[in-house]
Amino acid sequence: MPNVLVLHGPNLNLLGRRPRDLYGTMTLAEIDARLRERAAELGLALRIVQSNHEGVLIDALQEAIGWADAVLINPGGLTHTSVALRDCLEAVGKPAVEVHLSNIHAREPFRQVSLIAPVCTGQIAGLGWRSYLLGLEAIAGLLAGEES
């Protein structure tokens, strides 16, 4: 069974409390439950990590070198600022899909640039919690060798 590391960045633990017009009403625990359910249907095993600390996310990525087949990542605000997270994701060398609840390309100019996207296989943004499920489905297809 393929293994997928799911990384949630800073402030995603506040989902359900954050501006609902941007991030929806679903909590992170509810998103994780939907991810686990869909992963079981797709034959994927998940390890889920949320942290408000960049170093914890980097440590999780480095630990994943030995066991993960792919990464699903919502870096939160680190999307636009973290060269260190970007470099680690590149060094790990696993297929990765970046996801965002809001459409970062339609937001403030500083949010429209992702430092993470260039080292990812793809990016899904703006579809709320469904962005995560679509990202997981994309990973399942990538790991199964389906053509893009």
Protein backbone atom coordinates (compact mmCIF):
# COMPACT_ATOMS: atom_id res chain seq x y z
CA MET A 1 0.00 0.00 0.00
CA PRO A 2 1.53 3.36 -1.01
CA ASN A 3 2.28 5.80 1.81
CA VAL A 4 1.45 9.50 1.63
CA LEU A 5 2.65 12.23 3.96
CA VAL A 6 0.03 14.96 4.42
CA LEU A 7 1.44 18.24 5.69
CA HIS A 8 -0.72 21.08 7.01
CA GLY A 9 1.12 24.34 7.66
CA PRO A 10 0.62 27.21 10.07
CA ASN A 11 -2.83 28.23 11.25
CA LEU A 12 -4.64 25.39 9.52
CA ASN A 13 -5.43 24.08 12.99
CA LEU A 14 -7.73 27.14 13.25
CA LEU A 15 -9.95 26.11 10.35
CA GLY A 16 -13.58 26.65 11.26
CA ARG A 17 -12.58 29.83 13.10
CA ARG A 18 -10.66 31.58 10.33
CA PRO A 19 -12.50 33.82 7.83
CA ARG A 20 -15.17 31.46 6.54
CA ASP A 21 -15.58 33.28 3.24
CA LEU A 22 -11.98 32.31 2.38
CA TYR A 23 -11.48 29.01 4.19
CA GLY A 24 -14.96 27.54 4.69
CA THR A 25 -16.50 26.17 7.85
CA MET A 26 -14.94 22.71 7.98
CA THR A 27 -12.39 22.05 10.71
CA LEU A 28 -9.01 20.46 10.10
CA ALA A 29 -10.17 17.35 11.96
CA GLU A 30 -13.10 17.06 9.54
CA ILE A 31 -10.80 17.47 6.53
CA ASP A 32 -8.44 14.84 7.94
CA ALA A 33 -11.37 12.44 8.44
CA ARG A 34 -12.43 12.90 4.81
CA LEU A 35 -8.84 12.39 3.67
CA ARG A 36 -8.55 9.15 5.65
CA GLU A 37 -11.85 7.89 4.24
CA ARG A 38 -10.85 8.68 0.65
CA ALA A 39 -7.34 7.27 1.17
CA ALA A 40 -8.84 3.96 2.29
CA GLU A 41 -10.95 3.88 -0.88
CA LEU A 42 -7.87 4.63 -2.99
CA GLY A 43 -5.67 2.09 -1.21
CA LEU A 44 -3.35 4.69 0.31
CA ALA A 45 -1.94 4.91 3.83
CA LEU A 46 -1.68 8.41 5.30
CA ARG A 47 0.51 10.00 7.93
CA ILE A 48 -0.84 13.47 8.74
CA VAL A 49 1.20 16.25 10.37
CA GLN A 50 0.06 19.78 11.19
CA SER A 51 2.42 22.31 12.65
CA ASN A 52 2.70 26.04 13.11
CA HIS A 53 6.48 25.62 13.07
CA GLU A 54 8.45 25.49 9.84
CA GLY A 55 11.15 23.24 11.32
CA VAL A 56 8.61 20.59 12.37
CA LEU A 57 7.31 20.43 8.78
CA ILE A 58 10.85 20.16 7.45
CA ASP A 59 11.66 17.40 9.96
CA ALA A 60 8.54 15.49 8.88
CA LEU A 61 9.57 15.78 5.23
CA GLN A 62 13.08 14.57 5.96
CA GLU A 63 11.77 11.61 7.96
CA ALA A 64 9.49 10.75 5.04
CA ILE A 65 12.46 10.01 2.79
CA GLY A 66 12.54 6.45 4.08
CA TRP A 67 8.85 5.59 4.00
CA ALA A 68 6.66 7.99 1.96
CA ASP A 69 5.85 7.53 -1.70
CA ALA A 70 4.32 11.00 -2.13
CA VAL A 71 3.48 14.23 -0.32
CA LEU A 72 0.25 16.22 -0.13
CA ILE A 73 1.06 19.66 1.24
CA ASN A 74 -0.81 22.79 2.23
CA PRO A 75 2.03 25.00 3.43
CA GLY A 76 -0.34 27.78 4.53
CA GLY A 77 1.45 31.12 4.79
CA LEU A 78 4.82 29.38 4.31
CA THR A 79 3.80 28.99 0.67
CA HIS A 80 4.94 32.52 0.00
CA THR A 81 7.94 32.79 2.33
CA SER A 82 9.74 29.51 2.99
CA VAL A 83 12.77 28.82 0.87
CA ALA A 84 13.79 26.22 3.47
CA LEU A 85 10.56 24.23 3.07
CA ARG A 86 10.83 24.49 -0.71
CA ASP A 87 14.43 23.27 -0.69
CA CYS A 88 13.57 20.35 1.58
CA LEU A 89 10.64 19.29 -0.59
CA GLU A 90 12.92 19.38 -3.61
CA ALA A 91 15.64 17.38 -1.83
CA VAL A 92 13.18 14.72 -0.68
CA GLY A 93 12.36 14.15 -4.35
CA LYS A 94 8.92 12.56 -3.91
CA PRO A 95 5.92 13.38 -6.11
CA ALA A 96 4.13 16.24 -4.35
CA VAL A 97 0.85 18.06 -4.81
CA GLU A 98 0.37 21.50 -3.25
CA VAL A 99 -3.17 22.33 -2.17
CA HIS A 100 -4.91 25.45 -0.92
CA LEU A 101 -8.43 26.03 0.30
CA SER A 102 -8.60 29.52 -1.20
CA ASN A 103 -7.59 30.60 -4.68
CA ILE A 104 -4.20 32.11 -3.91
CA HIS A 105 -3.99 33.49 -7.45
CA ALA A 106 -7.02 35.71 -6.86
CA ARG A 107 -5.85 37.10 -3.53
CA GLU A 108 -3.40 39.79 -2.45
CA PRO A 109 -0.33 40.11 -4.69
CA PHE A 110 2.02 38.71 -2.01
CA ARG A 111 -0.13 35.56 -1.81
CA GLN A 112 -0.13 34.96 -5.57
CA VAL A 113 3.45 33.66 -5.65
CA SER A 114 4.15 30.16 -4.38
CA LEU A 115 7.75 29.28 -3.64
CA ILE A 116 6.58 25.68 -3.22
CA ALA A 117 4.81 25.13 -6.57
CA PRO A 118 7.97 24.90 -8.73
CA VAL A 119 9.10 21.77 -6.86
CA CYS A 120 5.66 20.12 -6.88
CA THR A 121 4.10 17.91 -9.51
CA GLY A 122 0.98 20.08 -9.41
CA GLN A 123 -1.14 22.53 -7.48
CA ILE A 124 -4.86 22.63 -6.68
CA ALA A 125 -6.29 25.81 -5.20
CA GLY A 126 -9.58 27.52 -4.57
CA LEU A 127 -11.89 24.54 -4.13
CA GLY A 128 -12.10 24.62 -0.35
CA TRP A 129 -11.76 21.28 1.44
CA ARG A 130 -12.24 19.53 -1.89
CA SER A 131 -8.78 20.74 -2.92
CA TYR A 132 -7.36 18.18 -0.49
CA LEU A 133 -9.41 15.29 -1.88
CA LEU A 134 -8.57 16.23 -5.47
CA GLY A 135 -4.90 16.42 -4.52
CA LEU A 136 -5.08 12.97 -2.95
CA GLU A 137 -6.77 11.58 -6.06
CA ALA A 138 -4.05 13.13 -8.21
CA ILE A 139 -1.40 11.46 -6.05
CA ALA A 140 -3.14 8.09 -6.38
CA GLY A 141 -3.09 8.50 -10.15
CA LEU A 142 0.57 9.52 -10.17
CA LEU A 143 1.55 6.54 -8.04
CA ALA A 144 -0.47 4.21 -10.25
CA GLY A 145 1.41 5.51 -13.29
CA GLU A 146 -1.62 7.05 -14.93
CA GLU A 147 -0.89 9.54 -17.66
CA SER A 148 -1.52 13.19 -16.88
